[in-house]
Amino acid sequence: MSLKIRLARGGAKKRPFYRVVVADSRAPRDGRYIEKIGYFDPLKEKDAADRLVLDAEKAKAWLTKGAQPTDRVARLLDGLGLMKREAGNNPQKAQPKKKAQERAAAAAEAAGKAAEAPAA
């Protein structure tokens, strides 16, 4: 059984509130979980003390038992200093797609022709 430390959504429409839970990876997102270890309220200020409330001892214990945190939970745990998260870097994502590259090349060619025409 693979365990995940993940967020289970609660709250009203457009007012999210999350429980930090340890669950079987096959269980539904908001469904059955093994243990609740804290909560996260994304609507509060980033520096608010009660934005993330987490039982650090339980989180450490589940990490040593092999529970894998999701990306968002890993980011939260890294902020608390409970684990080290590798920063993601995808330089290809910032590159324009094929059609945008074609448009940019066409615009550069047109600008080059426009610059040559008044000089002649």
N, C-alpha and C. Protein backbone atom coordinates (compact mmCIF):
# COMPACT_ATOMS: atom_id res chain seq x y z
N MET A 1 0.85 -1.17 0.00
CA MET A 1 0.00 0.00 0.00
C MET A 1 0.90 1.23 0.00
N SER A 2 0.76 2.07 -1.04
CA SER A 2 1.56 3.30 -1.09
C SER A 2 0.77 4.43 -0.44
N LEU A 3 1.45 5.13 0.43
CA LEU A 3 0.82 6.20 1.18
C LEU A 3 1.22 7.55 0.63
N LYS A 4 0.28 8.47 0.65
CA LYS A 4 0.52 9.84 0.21
C LYS A 4 0.14 10.79 1.34
N ILE A 5 0.93 11.83 1.47
CA ILE A 5 0.53 12.95 2.33
C ILE A 5 0.02 14.00 1.37
N ARG A 6 -1.27 14.29 1.44
CA ARG A 6 -1.88 15.16 0.44
C ARG A 6 -2.95 16.05 1.06
N LEU A 7 -3.49 16.93 0.22
CA LEU A 7 -4.53 17.85 0.66
C LEU A 7 -5.89 17.29 0.29
N ALA A 8 -6.83 17.33 1.23
CA ALA A 8 -8.22 16.96 0.98
C ALA A 8 -9.04 18.24 1.06
N ARG A 9 -9.76 18.56 -0.01
CA ARG A 9 -10.45 19.84 -0.10
C ARG A 9 -11.74 19.84 0.70
N GLY A 10 -11.97 20.96 1.34
CA GLY A 10 -13.21 21.21 2.04
C GLY A 10 -13.61 22.65 1.76
N GLY A 11 -14.60 23.14 2.47
CA GLY A 11 -15.00 24.52 2.29
C GLY A 11 -16.07 24.67 1.24
N ALA A 12 -16.54 25.88 1.07
CA ALA A 12 -17.62 26.17 0.14
C ALA A 12 -17.06 26.48 -1.25
N LYS A 13 -17.96 26.70 -2.18
CA LYS A 13 -17.57 27.04 -3.54
C LYS A 13 -16.76 28.34 -3.53
N LYS A 14 -15.62 28.32 -4.18
CA LYS A 14 -14.69 29.44 -4.27
C LYS A 14 -14.16 29.91 -2.91
N ARG A 15 -14.27 29.07 -1.90
CA ARG A 15 -13.73 29.35 -0.57
C ARG A 15 -13.00 28.09 -0.09
N PRO A 16 -11.88 27.74 -0.70
CA PRO A 16 -11.24 26.46 -0.37
C PRO A 16 -10.63 26.43 1.02
N PHE A 17 -10.64 25.23 1.56
CA PHE A 17 -10.02 24.95 2.85
C PHE A 17 -9.55 23.50 2.74
N TYR A 18 -8.32 23.23 3.15
CA TYR A 18 -7.76 21.90 2.94
C TYR A 18 -7.32 21.27 4.26
N ARG A 19 -7.56 19.96 4.36
CA ARG A 19 -7.00 19.17 5.45
C ARG A 19 -5.76 18.49 4.90
N VAL A 20 -4.69 18.46 5.68
CA VAL A 20 -3.50 17.72 5.30
C VAL A 20 -3.67 16.32 5.89
N VAL A 21 -3.76 15.32 5.01
CA VAL A 21 -4.07 13.97 5.45
C VAL A 21 -3.05 12.98 4.90
N VAL A 22 -2.96 11.84 5.58
CA VAL A 22 -2.19 10.70 5.08
C VAL A 22 -3.22 9.72 4.59
N ALA A 23 -3.12 9.33 3.30
CA ALA A 23 -4.12 8.46 2.70
C ALA A 23 -3.46 7.46 1.77
N ASP A 24 -4.18 6.39 1.51
CA ASP A 24 -3.76 5.44 0.49
C ASP A 24 -3.85 6.16 -0.85
N SER A 25 -2.88 5.94 -1.71
CA SER A 25 -2.85 6.67 -2.98
C SER A 25 -4.04 6.34 -3.87
N ARG A 26 -4.70 5.20 -3.63
CA ARG A 26 -5.85 4.80 -4.46
C ARG A 26 -7.16 5.38 -3.95
N ALA A 27 -7.16 5.95 -2.75
CA ALA A 27 -8.39 6.50 -2.17
C ALA A 27 -8.75 7.81 -2.86
N PRO A 28 -10.05 8.16 -2.89
CA PRO A 28 -10.46 9.43 -3.49
C PRO A 28 -9.85 10.63 -2.77
N ARG A 29 -9.74 11.74 -3.49
CA ARG A 29 -9.10 12.94 -2.94
C ARG A 29 -9.74 13.38 -1.63
N ASP A 30 -11.05 13.46 -1.60
CA ASP A 30 -11.74 13.94 -0.40
C ASP A 30 -12.34 12.78 0.39
N GLY A 31 -11.98 11.56 0.04
CA GLY A 31 -12.58 10.39 0.65
C GLY A 31 -11.83 9.90 1.87
N ARG A 32 -11.75 8.58 1.96
CA ARG A 32 -11.18 7.92 3.13
C ARG A 32 -9.69 8.26 3.30
N TYR A 33 -9.30 8.51 4.53
CA TYR A 33 -7.90 8.76 4.84
C TYR A 33 -7.54 8.04 6.12
N ILE A 34 -6.25 7.89 6.35
CA ILE A 34 -5.77 7.16 7.52
C ILE A 34 -5.69 8.08 8.73
N GLU A 35 -5.09 9.26 8.53
CA GLU A 35 -4.93 10.18 9.65
C GLU A 35 -4.87 11.62 9.15
N LYS A 36 -5.50 12.51 9.90
CA LYS A 36 -5.42 13.94 9.62
C LYS A 36 -4.27 14.49 10.43
N ILE A 37 -3.33 15.17 9.74
CA ILE A 37 -2.17 15.69 10.47
C ILE A 37 -2.12 17.21 10.51
N GLY A 38 -3.10 17.88 9.89
CA GLY A 38 -3.13 19.33 9.95
C GLY A 38 -4.13 19.91 8.98
N TYR A 39 -4.08 21.22 8.81
CA TYR A 39 -4.94 21.89 7.83
C TYR A 39 -4.21 23.07 7.22
N PHE A 40 -4.72 23.50 6.07
CA PHE A 40 -4.12 24.59 5.29
C PHE A 40 -5.24 25.47 4.77
N ASP A 41 -5.14 26.76 5.03
CA ASP A 41 -6.14 27.73 4.57
C ASP A 41 -5.47 28.70 3.60
N PRO A 42 -5.63 28.50 2.28
CA PRO A 42 -4.93 29.35 1.31
C PRO A 42 -5.47 30.77 1.23
N LEU A 43 -6.63 31.05 1.81
CA LEU A 43 -7.21 32.38 1.73
C LEU A 43 -6.60 33.35 2.75
N LYS A 44 -5.89 32.84 3.72
CA LYS A 44 -5.27 33.70 4.71
C LYS A 44 -3.99 34.29 4.16
N GLU A 45 -3.51 35.33 4.80
CA GLU A 45 -2.27 35.99 4.40
C GLU A 45 -1.11 35.00 4.44
N LYS A 46 -0.12 35.19 3.56
CA LYS A 46 1.00 34.26 3.50
C LYS A 46 1.81 34.22 4.79
N ASP A 47 1.82 35.31 5.53
CA ASP A 47 2.59 35.34 6.77
C ASP A 47 1.74 35.08 8.01
N ALA A 48 0.47 34.71 7.82
CA ALA A 48 -0.40 34.42 8.96
C ALA A 48 0.05 33.13 9.64
N ALA A 49 0.03 33.14 10.96
CA ALA A 49 0.51 31.98 11.72
C ALA A 49 -0.40 30.77 11.55
N ASP A 50 -1.70 30.99 11.38
CA ASP A 50 -2.63 29.86 11.28
C ASP A 50 -3.01 29.53 9.83
N ARG A 51 -2.21 29.96 8.86
CA ARG A 51 -2.44 29.59 7.46
C ARG A 51 -2.19 28.09 7.29
N LEU A 52 -1.13 27.58 7.91
CA LEU A 52 -0.81 26.16 7.89
C LEU A 52 -0.59 25.71 9.32
N VAL A 53 -1.42 24.80 9.78
CA VAL A 53 -1.26 24.21 11.10
C VAL A 53 -1.00 22.73 10.86
N LEU A 54 0.15 22.26 11.34
CA LEU A 54 0.56 20.90 11.05
C LEU A 54 1.23 20.28 12.27
N ASP A 55 0.90 19.03 12.56
CA ASP A 55 1.57 18.30 13.63
C ASP A 55 2.89 17.79 13.06
N ALA A 56 3.98 18.49 13.37
CA ALA A 56 5.29 18.18 12.78
C ALA A 56 5.77 16.78 13.16
N GLU A 57 5.49 16.34 14.38
CA GLU A 57 5.95 15.02 14.81
C GLU A 57 5.27 13.92 13.99
N LYS A 58 3.97 14.06 13.77
CA LYS A 58 3.25 13.07 12.97
C LYS A 58 3.73 13.09 11.53
N ALA A 59 3.99 14.27 11.00
CA ALA A 59 4.46 14.37 9.61
C ALA A 59 5.82 13.69 9.46
N LYS A 60 6.73 13.94 10.40
CA LYS A 60 8.04 13.28 10.36
C LYS A 60 7.89 11.77 10.46
N ALA A 61 7.01 11.32 11.35
CA ALA A 61 6.81 9.88 11.52
C ALA A 61 6.30 9.24 10.24
N TRP A 62 5.35 9.88 9.57
CA TRP A 62 4.82 9.30 8.33
C TRP A 62 5.85 9.36 7.22
N LEU A 63 6.68 10.38 7.18
CA LEU A 63 7.73 10.44 6.17
C LEU A 63 8.75 9.32 6.37
N THR A 64 9.07 9.02 7.65
CA THR A 64 10.01 7.93 7.89
C THR A 64 9.39 6.57 7.58
N LYS A 65 8.07 6.47 7.66
CA LYS A 65 7.39 5.22 7.31
C LYS A 65 7.27 5.04 5.80
N GLY A 66 7.63 6.07 5.02
CA GLY A 66 7.61 5.93 3.57
C GLY A 66 6.50 6.66 2.86
N ALA A 67 5.73 7.47 3.56
CA ALA A 67 4.66 8.23 2.90
C ALA A 67 5.29 9.30 2.00
N GLN A 68 4.79 9.42 0.78
CA GLN A 68 5.30 10.38 -0.19
C GLN A 68 4.41 11.61 -0.22
N PRO A 69 4.95 12.80 0.01
CA PRO A 69 4.11 14.01 -0.08
C PRO A 69 3.87 14.38 -1.54
N THR A 70 2.72 14.97 -1.81
CA THR A 70 2.45 15.49 -3.15
C THR A 70 3.29 16.76 -3.33
N ASP A 71 3.30 17.30 -4.53
CA ASP A 71 4.12 18.47 -4.82
C ASP A 71 3.77 19.65 -3.91
N ARG A 72 2.49 19.93 -3.76
CA ARG A 72 2.06 21.06 -2.94
C ARG A 72 2.40 20.84 -1.48
N VAL A 73 2.17 19.64 -0.98
CA VAL A 73 2.48 19.35 0.42
C VAL A 73 3.99 19.39 0.64
N ALA A 74 4.77 18.93 -0.33
CA ALA A 74 6.23 19.00 -0.21
C ALA A 74 6.68 20.45 -0.11
N ARG A 75 6.03 21.32 -0.86
CA ARG A 75 6.35 22.75 -0.79
C ARG A 75 6.02 23.31 0.60
N LEU A 76 4.89 22.89 1.16
CA LEU A 76 4.51 23.35 2.49
C LEU A 76 5.47 22.82 3.55
N LEU A 77 5.84 21.54 3.44
CA LEU A 77 6.77 20.95 4.40
C LEU A 77 8.15 21.59 4.30
N ASP A 78 8.54 21.95 3.09
CA ASP A 78 9.82 22.63 2.90
C ASP A 78 9.80 24.00 3.58
N GLY A 79 8.67 24.68 3.50
CA GLY A 79 8.54 25.97 4.16
C GLY A 79 8.66 25.88 5.67
N LEU A 80 8.25 24.74 6.23
CA LEU A 80 8.36 24.53 7.67
C LEU A 80 9.72 23.95 8.06
N GLY A 81 10.50 23.55 7.07
CA GLY A 81 11.81 22.98 7.35
C GLY A 81 11.79 21.51 7.69
N LEU A 82 10.70 20.80 7.38
CA LEU A 82 10.61 19.38 7.70
C LEU A 82 11.25 18.49 6.65
N MET A 83 11.38 19.00 5.43
CA MET A 83 12.03 18.22 4.38
C MET A 83 12.62 19.17 3.36
N LYS A 84 13.54 18.68 2.56
CA LYS A 84 14.17 19.49 1.53
C LYS A 84 13.52 19.17 0.19
N ARG A 85 13.06 20.19 -0.49
CA ARG A 85 12.39 20.02 -1.79
C ARG A 85 13.30 20.58 -2.86
N GLU A 86 13.51 19.81 -3.91
CA GLU A 86 14.30 20.28 -5.04
C GLU A 86 13.46 21.27 -5.85
N ALA A 87 14.05 22.40 -6.18
CA ALA A 87 13.35 23.41 -6.97
C ALA A 87 13.20 22.90 -8.40
N GLY A 88 12.02 23.03 -8.95
CA GLY A 88 11.79 22.60 -10.32
C GLY A 88 12.27 23.66 -11.31
N ASN A 89 12.81 23.20 -12.44
CA ASN A 89 13.25 24.14 -13.46
C ASN A 89 12.97 23.52 -14.82
N ASN A 90 12.10 24.12 -15.57
CA ASN A 90 11.77 23.64 -16.90
C ASN A 90 11.93 24.80 -17.87
N PRO A 91 13.15 25.00 -18.42
CA PRO A 91 13.37 26.13 -19.31
C PRO A 91 12.60 26.00 -20.62
N GLN A 92 12.23 24.78 -21.00
CA GLN A 92 11.49 24.59 -22.24
C GLN A 92 10.07 25.15 -22.14
N LYS A 93 9.53 25.22 -20.95
CA LYS A 93 8.16 25.69 -20.78
C LYS A 93 8.01 27.16 -21.16
N ALA A 94 9.07 27.94 -21.00
CA ALA A 94 9.01 29.36 -21.30
C ALA A 94 9.16 29.64 -22.79
N GLN A 95 9.58 28.65 -23.57
CA GLN A 95 9.77 28.85 -25.01
C GLN A 95 8.42 29.01 -25.70
N PRO A 96 8.32 29.93 -26.68
CA PRO A 96 7.07 30.05 -27.43
C PRO A 96 6.85 28.79 -28.27
N LYS A 97 5.59 28.51 -28.57
CA LYS A 97 5.26 27.34 -29.37
C LYS A 97 5.54 27.60 -30.84
N LYS A 98 5.26 26.61 -31.68
CA LYS A 98 5.66 26.64 -33.09
C LYS A 98 5.05 27.83 -33.85
N LYS A 99 3.75 28.04 -33.69
CA LYS A 99 3.10 29.12 -34.43
C LYS A 99 3.61 30.50 -33.97
N ALA A 100 3.84 30.65 -32.68
CA ALA A 100 4.34 31.92 -32.17
C ALA A 100 5.76 32.18 -32.68
N GLN A 101 6.57 31.11 -32.79
CA GLN A 101 7.92 31.27 -33.34
C GLN A 101 7.85 31.69 -34.81
N GLU A 102 6.90 31.09 -35.56
CA GLU A 102 6.73 31.46 -36.98
C GLU A 102 6.31 32.92 -37.11
N ARG A 103 5.38 33.36 -36.28
CA ARG A 103 4.93 34.76 -36.31
C ARG A 103 6.07 35.71 -35.97
N ALA A 104 6.87 35.35 -34.97
CA ALA A 104 7.99 36.19 -34.57
C ALA A 104 9.02 36.28 -35.69
N ALA A 105 9.27 35.16 -36.37
CA ALA A 105 10.22 35.16 -37.49
C ALA A 105 9.70 36.02 -38.63
N ALA A 106 8.40 35.93 -38.92
CA ALA A 106 7.80 36.73 -39.99
C ALA A 106 7.85 38.22 -39.63
N ALA A 107 7.60 38.56 -38.38
CA ALA A 107 7.65 39.95 -37.95
C ALA A 107 9.08 40.49 -38.03
N ALA A 108 10.05 39.67 -37.67
CA ALA A 108 11.45 40.10 -37.75
C ALA A 108 11.87 40.30 -39.21
N GLU A 109 11.40 39.43 -40.09
CA GLU A 109 11.71 39.56 -41.52
C GLU A 109 11.08 40.82 -42.09
N ALA A 110 9.84 41.11 -41.72
CA ALA A 110 9.15 42.31 -42.18
C ALA A 110 9.85 43.57 -41.66
N ALA A 111 10.30 43.52 -40.42
CA ALA A 111 11.00 44.66 -39.85
C ALA A 111 12.34 44.88 -40.56
N GLY A 112 13.00 43.78 -40.92
CA GLY A 112 14.27 43.88 -41.65
C GLY A 112 14.08 44.50 -43.02
N LYS A 113 13.02 44.11 -43.73
CA LYS A 113 12.71 44.68 -45.04
C LYS A 113 12.34 46.14 -44.94
N ALA A 114 11.60 46.49 -43.89
CA ALA A 114 11.20 47.88 -43.69
C ALA A 114 12.43 48.75 -43.40
N ALA A 115 13.39 48.20 -42.70
CA ALA A 115 14.60 48.97 -42.38
C ALA A 115 15.46 49.19 -43.62
N GLU A 116 15.45 48.22 -44.55
CA GLU A 116 16.26 48.33 -45.76
C GLU A 116 15.63 49.28 -46.79
N ALA A 117 14.31 49.33 -46.85
CA ALA A 117 13.62 50.10 -47.88
C ALA A 117 13.92 51.62 -47.80
N PRO A 118 13.83 52.26 -46.65
CA PRO A 118 14.11 53.72 -46.62
C PRO A 118 15.59 54.01 -46.87
N ALA A 119 16.48 53.08 -46.59
CA ALA A 119 17.90 53.32 -46.80
C ALA A 119 18.22 53.39 -48.30
N ALA A 120 17.45 52.71 -49.14
CA ALA A 120 17.74 52.67 -50.58
C ALA A 120 17.19 53.85 -51.31
